């Protein structure tokens, strides 16, 4: 979790000089980019390889859960920067 705090602090320091509207736009663009990349993975059928990895390699499931948790934390951070309370 400490890694995320330093990344989020770096993000806040980088966007601190911009106006609120630019920070809002940047957070929306980053959130959209993450969602778009997940959509492309599903659309191109690459999720099948992830399912096969989960079935064939039992240790891959905890790794996949951890990646999902990290994506959730990053999306939650960006949504709070947009100004939406969840």
Protein backbone atom coordinates (compact mmCIF):
# COMPACT_ATOMS: atom_id res chain seq x y z
CA UNK A 1 0.00 0.00 0.00
CA UNK A 2 2.95 2.27 0.58
CA UNK A 3 3.78 2.07 -3.14
CA UNK A 4 0.37 3.47 -3.99
CA UNK A 5 0.68 6.29 -1.50
CA UNK A 6 3.92 7.41 -3.10
CA UNK A 7 2.42 7.09 -6.62
CA UNK A 8 -0.68 9.03 -5.57
CA UNK A 9 1.47 11.69 -3.91
CA UNK A 10 3.51 11.98 -7.11
CA UNK A 11 0.25 12.36 -9.08
CA UNK A 12 -0.97 15.05 -6.68
CA UNK A 13 2.35 16.90 -6.87
CA UNK A 14 2.31 16.74 -10.68
CA UNK A 15 -1.27 17.99 -10.99
CA UNK A 16 -1.03 20.46 -8.11
CA UNK A 17 -0.03 23.33 -10.39
CA UNK A 18 -2.96 22.86 -12.75
CA UNK A 19 -6.40 24.36 -12.33
CA UNK A 20 -9.26 22.24 -11.02
CA UNK A 21 -10.76 21.85 -14.49
CA UNK A 22 -7.52 20.50 -15.96
CA UNK A 23 -7.09 18.08 -13.03
CA UNK A 24 -10.67 16.92 -13.54
CA UNK A 25 -10.07 16.35 -17.24
CA UNK A 26 -6.80 14.51 -16.61
CA UNK A 27 -8.41 12.18 -14.07
CA UNK A 28 -11.29 11.44 -16.45
CA UNK A 29 -8.88 10.72 -19.31
CA UNK A 30 -6.78 8.36 -17.17
CA UNK A 31 -9.88 6.56 -15.87
CA UNK A 32 -11.25 6.22 -19.39
CA UNK A 33 -7.88 4.87 -20.61
CA UNK A 34 -7.89 2.15 -17.94
CA UNK A 35 -11.47 1.15 -18.74
CA UNK A 36 -10.76 1.20 -22.48
CA UNK A 37 -7.75 -1.10 -22.10
CA UNK A 38 -9.81 -3.58 -20.07
CA UNK A 39 -12.49 -3.46 -22.78
CA UNK A 40 -9.89 -4.17 -25.48
CA UNK A 41 -8.59 -7.18 -23.56
CA UNK A 42 -12.09 -8.62 -23.36
CA UNK A 43 -12.99 -7.69 -26.94
CA UNK A 44 -9.92 -9.27 -28.53
CA UNK A 45 -10.45 -12.54 -26.70
CA UNK A 46 -7.32 -12.29 -24.60
CA UNK A 47 -9.38 -13.04 -21.51
CA UNK A 48 -9.44 -16.66 -22.68
CA UNK A 49 -5.70 -16.89 -22.04
CA UNK A 50 -6.21 -15.47 -18.56
CA UNK A 51 -8.86 -18.13 -17.85
CA UNK A 52 -6.53 -20.87 -19.14
CA UNK A 53 -3.71 -19.55 -16.94
CA UNK A 54 -5.98 -19.55 -13.89
CA UNK A 55 -7.00 -23.14 -14.58
CA UNK A 56 -3.53 -24.47 -15.41
CA UNK A 57 -1.44 -22.51 -12.93
CA UNK A 58 -3.07 -22.41 -9.47
CA UNK A 59 -0.75 -19.66 -8.24
CA UNK A 60 -1.95 -17.32 -10.98
CA UNK A 61 -5.32 -16.74 -9.27
CA UNK A 62 -3.88 -14.82 -6.28
CA UNK A 63 -1.77 -12.76 -8.68
CA UNK A 64 -4.85 -11.94 -10.77
CA UNK A 65 -6.80 -10.96 -7.63
CA UNK A 66 -3.96 -8.68 -6.56
CA UNK A 67 -3.86 -6.99 -9.98
CA UNK A 68 -7.63 -6.52 -9.81
CA UNK A 69 -7.33 -5.01 -6.36
CA UNK A 70 -4.64 -2.61 -7.60
CA UNK A 71 -6.82 -1.56 -10.54
CA UNK A 72 -9.71 -0.95 -8.15
CA UNK A 73 -7.54 1.19 -5.88
CA UNK A 74 -6.27 3.24 -8.83
CA UNK A 75 -9.78 3.74 -10.24
CA UNK A 76 -11.10 4.68 -6.80
CA UNK A 77 -8.29 7.22 -6.42
CA UNK A 78 -9.05 8.78 -9.82
CA UNK A 79 -12.79 8.87 -9.11
CA UNK A 80 -12.18 10.69 -5.82
CA UNK A 81 -9.98 13.17 -7.70
CA UNK A 82 -12.86 13.77 -10.11
CA UNK A 83 -15.00 14.66 -7.14
CA UNK A 84 -17.43 11.74 -7.00
CA UNK A 85 -17.87 10.22 -3.55
CA UNK A 86 -18.09 6.44 -3.47
